[in-house]
């Protein structure tokens, strides 16, 4: 009796498992589809950042300047008591491949703080407002993880002269 209904039972269980798999996939895709205003920054926890200044060859002057930033991140009260201004950021400029990303990771590793990394092109989208929403979300996440390092690579992709270049009518994402 049981052996006679076993194929039907297995077929029914197979259909149920397939439906569960299908609905879980749909739920995952809807979650990513509705998160287009969320930051796509790669977050590296402070414990995961293993890079230090020993890993950086060259860039001696930049390393010396960044050692002060690391010291401030480790003990800000020492500098505040002396009346020093709190650094709001550091601009690393150079040709591709000169070690800007490695230096930023080294600062995060030496200071023991989380490292947020995102390309500037991630902020430029087809829909106006999405890029600004991503910037707000990135800084909200960073504020929650403060102190931390935010590394914006290829930031020149975000800014350009207003009204220049080809646009398919209306306004460009960068003209906000």
N, C-alpha and C. Protein backbone atom coordinates (compact mmCIF):
# COMPACT_ATOMS: atom_id res chain seq x y z
N UNK A 1 0.83 -1.19 0.00
CA UNK A 1 0.00 0.00 0.00
C UNK A 1 0.88 1.26 0.00
N UNK A 2 1.84 1.32 0.95
CA UNK A 2 2.72 2.49 1.02
C UNK A 2 3.60 2.61 -0.22
N UNK A 3 4.07 1.47 -0.73
CA UNK A 3 4.93 1.47 -1.92
C UNK A 3 4.16 1.96 -3.13
N UNK A 4 2.89 1.77 -3.17
CA UNK A 4 2.07 2.20 -4.30
C UNK A 4 1.95 3.72 -4.34
N UNK A 5 1.89 4.39 -3.18
CA UNK A 5 1.76 5.85 -3.18
C UNK A 5 3.10 6.57 -3.07
N UNK A 6 4.18 5.84 -2.91
CA UNK A 6 5.51 6.45 -2.77
C UNK A 6 5.90 7.30 -3.98
N UNK A 7 5.73 6.86 -5.23
CA UNK A 7 6.08 7.73 -6.37
C UNK A 7 5.27 9.03 -6.39
N UNK A 8 3.99 8.95 -6.05
CA UNK A 8 3.16 10.15 -6.02
C UNK A 8 3.62 11.11 -4.92
N UNK A 9 3.98 10.56 -3.78
CA UNK A 9 4.46 11.37 -2.66
C UNK A 9 5.79 12.05 -3.00
N UNK A 10 6.71 11.30 -3.63
CA UNK A 10 7.99 11.89 -4.04
C UNK A 10 7.79 12.98 -5.08
N UNK A 11 6.89 12.77 -6.02
CA UNK A 11 6.60 13.78 -7.04
C UNK A 11 6.04 15.05 -6.38
N UNK A 12 5.13 14.88 -5.42
CA UNK A 12 4.55 16.01 -4.70
C UNK A 12 5.63 16.77 -3.92
N UNK A 13 6.52 16.07 -3.23
CA UNK A 13 7.61 16.71 -2.48
C UNK A 13 8.58 17.43 -3.41
N UNK A 14 8.82 16.86 -4.59
CA UNK A 14 9.69 17.49 -5.58
C UNK A 14 9.08 18.80 -6.07
N UNK A 15 7.80 18.82 -6.30
CA UNK A 15 7.12 20.05 -6.73
C UNK A 15 7.18 21.10 -5.62
N UNK A 16 6.94 20.71 -4.39
CA UNK A 16 7.01 21.65 -3.25
C UNK A 16 8.43 22.22 -3.12
N UNK A 17 9.45 21.38 -3.22
CA UNK A 17 10.84 21.85 -3.13
C UNK A 17 11.15 22.81 -4.27
N UNK A 18 10.67 22.53 -5.46
CA UNK A 18 10.89 23.42 -6.60
C UNK A 18 10.23 24.77 -6.40
N UNK A 19 9.01 24.78 -5.86
CA UNK A 19 8.32 26.04 -5.59
C UNK A 19 9.04 26.86 -4.52
N UNK A 20 9.52 26.20 -3.48
CA UNK A 20 10.27 26.89 -2.43
C UNK A 20 11.53 27.51 -3.02
N UNK A 21 12.25 26.76 -3.84
CA UNK A 21 13.47 27.27 -4.49
C UNK A 21 13.14 28.46 -5.39
N UNK A 22 12.04 28.39 -6.14
CA UNK A 22 11.63 29.47 -7.04
C UNK A 22 11.28 30.73 -6.26
N UNK A 23 10.49 30.60 -5.21
CA UNK A 23 10.07 31.76 -4.44
C UNK A 23 11.24 32.40 -3.68
N UNK A 24 12.19 31.60 -3.22
CA UNK A 24 13.37 32.17 -2.56
C UNK A 24 14.21 32.97 -3.55
N UNK A 25 14.33 32.48 -4.77
CA UNK A 25 15.06 33.21 -5.82
C UNK A 25 14.38 34.52 -6.17
N UNK A 26 13.05 34.50 -6.24
CA UNK A 26 12.31 35.73 -6.53
C UNK A 26 12.48 36.73 -5.40
N UNK A 27 12.44 36.26 -4.17
CA UNK A 27 12.61 37.16 -3.02
C UNK A 27 13.99 37.80 -3.03
N UNK A 28 15.02 37.03 -3.38
CA UNK A 28 16.38 37.58 -3.45
C UNK A 28 16.50 38.62 -4.56
N UNK A 29 15.91 38.37 -5.71
CA UNK A 29 16.02 39.30 -6.83
C UNK A 29 15.24 40.58 -6.55
N UNK A 30 14.11 40.49 -5.86
CA UNK A 30 13.36 41.69 -5.51
C UNK A 30 14.12 42.52 -4.50
N UNK A 31 14.83 41.88 -3.62
CA UNK A 31 15.61 42.58 -2.61
C UNK A 31 16.70 43.41 -3.27
N UNK A 32 17.36 42.87 -4.30
CA UNK A 32 18.42 43.63 -4.97
C UNK A 32 17.84 44.66 -5.93
N UNK A 33 16.67 44.38 -6.52
CA UNK A 33 16.07 45.32 -7.45
C UNK A 33 15.62 46.58 -6.74
N UNK A 34 15.15 46.45 -5.53
CA UNK A 34 14.66 47.61 -4.80
C UNK A 34 15.75 48.34 -4.03
N UNK A 35 16.97 47.86 -4.09
CA UNK A 35 18.06 48.50 -3.34
C UNK A 35 18.97 49.31 -4.25
N UNK A 36 18.43 49.87 -5.35
CA UNK A 36 19.30 50.61 -6.26
C UNK A 36 19.77 51.92 -5.67
N UNK A 37 19.17 52.42 -4.60
CA UNK A 37 19.62 53.63 -3.95
C UNK A 37 20.60 53.36 -2.82
N UNK A 38 20.91 52.11 -2.57
CA UNK A 38 21.82 51.74 -1.49
C UNK A 38 23.26 51.80 -1.98
N UNK A 39 24.15 52.09 -1.07
CA UNK A 39 25.57 52.17 -1.40
C UNK A 39 26.13 50.80 -1.77
N UNK A 40 26.98 50.78 -2.80
CA UNK A 40 27.62 49.54 -3.22
C UNK A 40 29.07 49.47 -2.73
N UNK A 41 29.37 50.21 -1.69
CA UNK A 41 30.74 50.24 -1.19
C UNK A 41 31.15 48.89 -0.62
N UNK A 42 32.39 48.53 -0.89
CA UNK A 42 32.95 47.31 -0.30
C UNK A 42 33.48 47.69 1.09
N UNK A 43 32.90 47.07 2.09
CA UNK A 43 33.28 47.37 3.47
C UNK A 43 34.21 46.29 3.98
N UNK A 44 35.36 46.72 4.47
CA UNK A 44 36.32 45.80 5.08
C UNK A 44 36.39 46.13 6.56
N UNK A 45 36.06 45.16 7.38
CA UNK A 45 36.07 45.35 8.83
C UNK A 45 37.49 45.65 9.30
N UNK A 46 37.60 46.35 10.42
CA UNK A 46 38.90 46.75 10.95
C UNK A 46 39.80 45.54 11.20
N UNK A 47 39.21 44.41 11.60
CA UNK A 47 40.01 43.22 11.87
C UNK A 47 40.50 42.56 10.59
N UNK A 48 39.81 42.82 9.47
CA UNK A 48 40.18 42.20 8.20
C UNK A 48 41.25 42.97 7.44
N UNK A 49 41.44 44.26 7.76
CA UNK A 49 42.43 45.08 7.06
C UNK A 49 43.80 44.73 7.61
N UNK A 50 44.59 44.02 6.83
CA UNK A 50 45.92 43.58 7.27
C UNK A 50 47.04 44.43 6.68
N UNK A 51 46.71 45.37 5.80
CA UNK A 51 47.71 46.18 5.12
C UNK A 51 48.31 47.19 6.10
N UNK A 52 49.64 47.38 6.01
CA UNK A 52 50.31 48.37 6.85
C UNK A 52 51.28 49.16 5.98
N UNK A 53 51.92 50.16 6.57
CA UNK A 53 52.86 50.99 5.82
C UNK A 53 54.08 50.19 5.36
N UNK A 54 54.35 49.06 6.01
CA UNK A 54 55.46 48.20 5.58
C UNK A 54 55.20 47.60 4.21
N UNK A 55 53.92 47.46 3.85
CA UNK A 55 53.54 46.88 2.56
C UNK A 55 53.66 47.87 1.41
N UNK A 56 53.84 49.16 1.73
CA UNK A 56 53.89 50.21 0.71
C UNK A 56 55.35 50.55 0.42
N UNK A 57 55.76 50.35 -0.82
CA UNK A 57 57.12 50.69 -1.24
C UNK A 57 57.10 52.07 -1.89
N UNK A 58 58.05 52.91 -1.54
CA UNK A 58 58.08 54.25 -2.09
C UNK A 58 57.09 55.15 -1.37
N UNK A 59 56.72 56.23 -2.01
CA UNK A 59 55.73 57.18 -1.46
C UNK A 59 56.13 57.64 -0.06
N UNK A 60 57.42 57.89 0.18
CA UNK A 60 57.89 58.20 1.53
C UNK A 60 57.25 59.46 2.11
N UNK A 61 57.14 60.53 1.30
CA UNK A 61 56.55 61.77 1.81
C UNK A 61 55.09 61.57 2.15
N UNK A 62 54.37 60.87 1.30
CA UNK A 62 52.95 60.62 1.55
C UNK A 62 52.78 59.77 2.81
N UNK A 63 53.65 58.77 2.97
CA UNK A 63 53.57 57.92 4.17
C UNK A 63 53.80 58.74 5.44
N UNK A 64 54.79 59.65 5.40
CA UNK A 64 55.07 60.48 6.57
C UNK A 64 53.86 61.33 6.94
N UNK A 65 53.21 61.91 5.93
CA UNK A 65 52.02 62.72 6.21
C UNK A 65 50.87 61.87 6.74
N UNK A 66 50.73 60.67 6.20
CA UNK A 66 49.62 59.81 6.61
C UNK A 66 49.85 59.19 7.99
N UNK A 67 51.09 59.12 8.44
CA UNK A 67 51.37 58.63 9.80
C UNK A 67 50.71 59.56 10.82
N UNK A 68 50.71 60.86 10.54
CA UNK A 68 50.04 61.82 11.43
C UNK A 68 48.54 61.57 11.47
N UNK A 69 47.95 61.26 10.30
CA UNK A 69 46.52 60.96 10.25
C UNK A 69 46.21 59.72 11.08
N UNK A 70 47.07 58.71 10.96
CA UNK A 70 46.88 57.47 11.73
C UNK A 70 46.97 57.77 13.22
N UNK A 71 47.95 58.59 13.62
CA UNK A 71 48.10 58.93 15.03
C UNK A 71 46.87 59.67 15.53
N UNK A 72 46.32 60.55 14.69
CA UNK A 72 45.10 61.25 15.08
C UNK A 72 43.94 60.29 15.24
N UNK A 73 43.81 59.33 14.32
CA UNK A 73 42.71 58.36 14.42
C UNK A 73 42.83 57.48 15.66
N UNK A 74 44.07 57.20 16.06
CA UNK A 74 44.28 56.36 17.25
C UNK A 74 44.04 57.13 18.54
N UNK A 75 44.48 58.38 18.59
CA UNK A 75 44.33 59.18 19.82
C UNK A 75 43.94 60.62 19.47
N UNK A 76 42.67 60.85 19.14
CA UNK A 76 42.25 62.20 18.75
C UNK A 76 42.26 63.20 19.90
N UNK A 77 42.08 62.75 21.12
CA UNK A 77 42.02 63.68 22.26
C UNK A 77 43.34 64.42 22.45
N UNK A 78 44.44 63.75 22.12
CA UNK A 78 45.76 64.37 22.26
C UNK A 78 45.84 65.61 21.36
N UNK A 79 45.34 65.50 20.15
CA UNK A 79 45.40 66.62 19.21
C UNK A 79 44.35 67.68 19.52
N UNK A 80 43.18 67.26 19.95
CA UNK A 80 42.12 68.22 20.29
C UNK A 80 42.54 69.06 21.49
N UNK A 81 43.19 68.45 22.48
CA UNK A 81 43.66 69.20 23.65
C UNK A 81 44.72 70.22 23.28
N UNK A 82 45.50 69.95 22.23
CA UNK A 82 46.50 70.90 21.77
C UNK A 82 45.91 71.99 20.89
N UNK A 83 44.61 71.86 20.55
CA UNK A 83 43.95 72.86 19.72
C UNK A 83 44.10 72.63 18.23
N UNK A 84 44.49 71.45 17.84
CA UNK A 84 44.65 71.15 16.42
C UNK A 84 43.29 70.99 15.75
N UNK A 85 43.24 71.31 14.47
CA UNK A 85 42.01 71.14 13.71
C UNK A 85 41.87 69.67 13.31
N UNK A 86 40.65 69.19 13.40
CA UNK A 86 40.37 67.79 13.05
C UNK A 86 40.43 67.65 11.53
N UNK A 87 41.22 66.71 11.01
CA UNK A 87 41.26 66.53 9.55
C UNK A 87 39.95 65.95 9.05
N UNK A 88 39.39 66.57 8.03
CA UNK A 88 38.13 66.10 7.45
C UNK A 88 38.37 65.11 6.33
N UNK A 89 39.58 65.09 5.80
CA UNK A 89 39.87 64.16 4.71
C UNK A 89 41.27 64.36 4.18
N UNK A 90 41.66 63.44 3.34
CA UNK A 90 42.97 63.48 2.69
C UNK A 90 42.73 63.22 1.21
N UNK A 91 43.34 64.02 0.36
CA UNK A 91 43.21 63.83 -1.08
C UNK A 91 44.51 63.23 -1.61
N UNK A 92 44.42 62.00 -2.11
CA UNK A 92 45.57 61.33 -2.71
C UNK A 92 45.44 61.46 -4.22
N UNK A 93 46.42 62.10 -4.85
CA UNK A 93 46.37 62.36 -6.29
C UNK A 93 47.55 61.69 -6.95
N UNK A 94 47.31 61.11 -8.12
CA UNK A 94 48.40 60.50 -8.87
C UNK A 94 47.88 59.67 -10.02
N UNK A 95 48.79 59.28 -10.87
CA UNK A 95 48.44 58.45 -12.02
C UNK A 95 47.98 57.07 -11.55
N UNK A 96 47.24 56.36 -12.40
CA UNK A 96 46.82 55.01 -12.02
C UNK A 96 48.02 54.11 -11.74
N UNK A 97 47.91 53.30 -10.70
CA UNK A 97 48.97 52.36 -10.37
C UNK A 97 50.07 52.90 -9.48
N UNK A 98 49.87 54.08 -8.89
CA UNK A 98 50.92 54.66 -8.05
C UNK A 98 50.77 54.34 -6.57
N UNK A 99 49.71 53.61 -6.19
CA UNK A 99 49.59 53.16 -4.81
C UNK A 99 48.63 53.93 -3.94
N UNK A 100 47.71 54.68 -4.53
CA UNK A 100 46.76 55.45 -3.72
C UNK A 100 45.84 54.52 -2.90
N UNK A 101 45.32 53.50 -3.55
CA UNK A 101 44.45 52.55 -2.84
C UNK A 101 45.21 51.82 -1.76
N UNK A 102 46.42 51.40 -2.06
CA UNK A 102 47.24 50.69 -1.07
C UNK A 102 47.55 51.59 0.13
N UNK A 103 47.84 52.86 -0.12
CA UNK A 103 48.09 53.80 0.98
C UNK A 103 46.84 53.96 1.85
N UNK A 104 45.68 54.08 1.22
CA UNK A 104 44.44 54.24 1.98
C UNK A 104 44.17 53.00 2.83
N UNK A 105 44.38 51.82 2.25
CA UNK A 105 44.20 50.57 3.01
C UNK A 105 45.22 50.49 4.16
N UNK A 106 46.44 50.98 3.91
CA UNK A 106 47.47 50.96 4.95
C UNK A 106 47.09 51.87 6.11
N UNK A 107 46.50 53.03 5.81
CA UNK A 107 46.05 53.93 6.88
C UNK A 107 44.99 53.24 7.72
N UNK A 108 44.03 52.58 7.05
CA UNK A 108 42.98 51.86 7.79
C UNK A 108 43.56 50.72 8.61
N UNK A 109 44.52 50.01 8.04
CA UNK A 109 45.14 48.90 8.75
C UNK A 109 45.94 49.35 9.95
N UNK A 110 46.72 50.42 9.78
CA UNK A 110 47.53 50.94 10.89
C UNK A 110 46.66 51.52 12.00
N UNK A 111 45.57 52.20 11.60
CA UNK A 111 44.70 52.83 12.60
C UNK A 111 43.72 51.84 13.21
N UNK A 112 43.53 50.70 12.56
CA UNK A 112 42.58 49.71 13.08
C UNK A 112 41.14 50.15 12.94
N UNK A 113 40.81 50.77 11.80
CA UNK A 113 39.45 51.25 11.56
C UNK A 113 38.88 50.58 10.31
N UNK A 114 37.54 50.53 10.17
CA UNK A 114 36.94 49.94 8.97
C UNK A 114 37.29 50.74 7.72
N UNK A 115 37.27 50.06 6.57
CA UNK A 115 37.67 50.65 5.29
C UNK A 115 36.52 50.51 4.30
N UNK A 116 35.96 51.63 3.85
CA UNK A 116 34.91 51.65 2.85
C UNK A 116 35.54 52.05 1.52
N UNK A 117 35.36 51.24 0.49
CA UNK A 117 35.96 51.52 -0.82
C UNK A 117 34.88 51.46 -1.89
N UNK A 118 34.82 52.51 -2.72
CA UNK A 118 33.85 52.55 -3.81
C UNK A 118 34.41 53.40 -4.94
N UNK A 119 34.07 53.04 -6.16
CA UNK A 119 34.50 53.81 -7.34
C UNK A 119 33.52 54.95 -7.57
N UNK A 120 34.02 56.07 -8.03
CA UNK A 120 33.17 57.22 -8.31
C UNK A 120 32.12 56.93 -9.36
N UNK A 121 32.42 56.04 -10.29
CA UNK A 121 31.45 55.70 -11.33
C UNK A 121 30.22 55.00 -10.77
N UNK A 122 30.29 54.46 -9.56
CA UNK A 122 29.13 53.82 -8.93
C UNK A 122 28.05 54.85 -8.58
N UNK A 123 28.42 56.13 -8.50
CA UNK A 123 27.46 57.16 -8.15
C UNK A 123 26.74 57.73 -9.36
N UNK A 124 27.21 57.44 -10.56
CA UNK A 124 26.61 57.97 -11.78
C UNK A 124 25.66 56.91 -12.34
N UNK A 125 24.38 57.22 -12.35
CA UNK A 125 23.36 56.29 -12.81
C UNK A 125 22.46 56.95 -13.83
N UNK A 126 21.63 56.13 -14.46
CA UNK A 126 20.71 56.63 -15.47
C UNK A 126 19.61 57.48 -14.83
N UNK A 127 19.17 57.11 -13.66
CA UNK A 127 18.09 57.82 -13.00
C UNK A 127 18.65 58.90 -12.09
N UNK A 128 18.13 60.12 -12.24
CA UNK A 128 18.58 61.23 -11.43
C UNK A 128 18.16 61.00 -9.98
N UNK A 129 19.09 61.18 -9.07
CA UNK A 129 18.82 61.03 -7.65
C UNK A 129 19.37 59.75 -7.05
N UNK A 130 19.62 58.74 -7.88
CA UNK A 130 20.12 57.47 -7.36
C UNK A 130 21.54 57.65 -6.83
N UNK A 131 22.38 58.37 -7.57
CA UNK A 131 23.76 58.60 -7.13
C UNK A 131 23.82 59.35 -5.82
N UNK A 132 23.00 60.40 -5.70
CA UNK A 132 22.96 61.17 -4.46
C UNK A 132 22.47 60.31 -3.30
N UNK A 133 21.52 59.44 -3.58
CA UNK A 133 21.03 58.52 -2.55
C UNK A 133 22.12 57.57 -2.10
N UNK A 134 22.93 57.11 -3.04
CA UNK A 134 24.04 56.21 -2.68
C UNK A 134 25.08 56.92 -1.84
N UNK A 135 25.35 58.18 -2.16
CA UNK A 135 26.31 58.96 -1.36
C UNK A 135 25.79 59.10 0.07
N UNK A 136 24.51 59.45 0.20
CA UNK A 136 23.93 59.60 1.54
C UNK A 136 23.99 58.28 2.31
N UNK A 137 23.68 57.17 1.63
CA UNK A 137 23.71 55.87 2.29
C UNK A 137 25.13 55.49 2.71
N UNK A 138 26.11 55.78 1.84
CA UNK A 138 27.51 55.49 2.18
C UNK A 138 27.94 56.25 3.43
N UNK A 139 27.63 57.54 3.48
CA UNK A 139 28.05 58.32 4.64
C UNK A 139 27.25 57.96 5.89
N UNK A 140 26.02 57.49 5.72
CA UNK A 140 25.25 57.00 6.87
C UNK A 140 25.92 55.76 7.45
N UNK A 141 26.31 54.83 6.58
CA UNK A 141 27.00 53.62 7.04
C UNK A 141 28.33 53.97 7.71
N UNK A 142 29.04 54.93 7.10
CA UNK A 142 30.34 55.32 7.65
C UNK A 142 30.19 56.00 9.00
N UNK A 143 29.13 56.79 9.16
CA UNK A 143 28.90 57.46 10.44
C UNK A 143 28.64 56.44 11.54
N UNK A 144 27.92 55.36 11.19
CA UNK A 144 27.65 54.31 12.17
C UNK A 144 28.92 53.55 12.54
N UNK A 145 29.88 53.47 11.61
CA UNK A 145 31.13 52.74 11.85
C UNK A 145 32.27 53.66 12.26
N UNK A 146 31.97 54.91 12.56
CA UNK A 146 32.98 55.91 12.85
C UNK A 146 33.84 55.50 14.05
N UNK A 147 35.15 55.78 14.05
CA UNK A 147 35.95 56.34 12.97
C UNK A 147 36.24 55.29 11.90
N UNK A 148 36.34 55.74 10.65
CA UNK A 148 36.58 54.82 9.55
C UNK A 148 37.24 55.58 8.40
N UNK A 149 37.62 54.84 7.37
CA UNK A 149 38.22 55.41 6.17
C UNK A 149 37.24 55.18 5.02
N UNK A 150 36.90 56.26 4.29
CA UNK A 150 36.10 56.15 3.07
C UNK A 150 37.04 56.45 1.92
N UNK A 151 37.20 55.50 1.02
CA UNK A 151 38.08 55.68 -0.14
C UNK A 151 37.22 55.75 -1.39
N UNK A 152 37.19 56.94 -2.03
CA UNK A 152 36.45 57.14 -3.27
C UNK A 152 37.44 57.10 -4.42
N UNK A 153 37.47 56.00 -5.13
CA UNK A 153 38.38 55.84 -6.26
C UNK A 153 37.73 56.43 -7.50
N UNK A 154 38.53 56.96 -8.40
CA UNK A 154 38.06 57.55 -9.66
C UNK A 154 36.99 58.61 -9.40
N UNK A 155 37.22 59.48 -8.44
CA UNK A 155 36.22 60.49 -8.07
C UNK A 155 35.98 61.47 -9.22
N UNK A 156 36.92 61.57 -10.16
CA UNK A 156 36.74 62.47 -11.29
C UNK A 156 35.59 62.03 -12.20
N UNK A 157 35.12 60.80 -12.07
CA UNK A 157 33.98 60.33 -12.87
C UNK A 157 32.69 61.01 -12.44
N UNK A 158 32.65 61.53 -11.22
CA UNK A 158 31.42 62.14 -10.72
C UNK A 158 31.27 63.57 -11.23
N UNK A 159 32.33 64.34 -11.16
CA UNK A 159 32.23 65.75 -11.51
C UNK A 159 32.59 66.05 -12.95
N UNK A 160 31.85 66.97 -13.55
CA UNK A 160 32.17 67.49 -14.86
C UNK A 160 31.46 68.82 -15.02
N UNK A 161 31.80 69.56 -16.06
CA UNK A 161 31.18 70.85 -16.29
C UNK A 161 29.71 70.67 -16.65
N UNK A 162 28.85 71.48 -16.08
CA UNK A 162 27.43 71.37 -16.36
C UNK A 162 27.13 71.71 -17.81
N UNK A 163 26.22 70.95 -18.39
CA UNK A 163 25.78 71.24 -19.75
C UNK A 163 26.73 70.77 -20.83
N UNK A 164 27.85 70.19 -20.48
CA UNK A 164 28.79 69.74 -21.50
C UNK A 164 28.56 68.28 -21.81
N UNK A 165 28.94 67.88 -22.98
CA UNK A 165 28.80 66.48 -23.37
C UNK A 165 27.41 66.17 -23.86
N UNK A 166 27.25 64.97 -24.38
CA UNK A 166 25.98 64.53 -24.93
C UNK A 166 25.06 64.08 -23.82
N UNK A 167 23.86 64.57 -23.86
CA UNK A 167 22.86 64.11 -22.91
C UNK A 167 21.58 63.84 -23.68
N UNK A 168 20.87 62.84 -23.33
CA UNK A 168 19.67 62.47 -24.07
C UNK A 168 18.46 63.27 -23.59
N UNK A 169 18.65 64.54 -23.40
CA UNK A 169 17.57 65.39 -22.95
C UNK A 169 17.48 65.40 -21.44
N UNK A 170 16.87 66.42 -20.90
CA UNK A 170 16.74 66.50 -19.45
C UNK A 170 18.07 66.80 -18.79
N UNK A 171 18.21 66.36 -17.59
CA UNK A 171 19.43 66.62 -16.82
C UNK A 171 20.19 65.33 -16.61
N UNK A 172 21.48 65.49 -16.46
CA UNK A 172 22.35 64.36 -16.17
C UNK A 172 22.35 64.10 -14.67
N UNK A 173 22.66 62.89 -14.29
CA UNK A 173 22.73 62.51 -12.87
C UNK A 173 23.68 63.42 -12.11
N UNK A 174 24.77 63.85 -12.76
CA UNK A 174 25.79 64.64 -12.07
C UNK A 174 25.38 66.08 -11.89
N UNK A 175 24.31 66.54 -12.55
CA UNK A 175 23.89 67.94 -12.47
C UNK A 175 22.82 68.12 -11.39
N UNK A 176 23.16 67.82 -10.16
CA UNK A 176 22.20 67.98 -9.06
C UNK A 176 22.66 69.07 -8.13
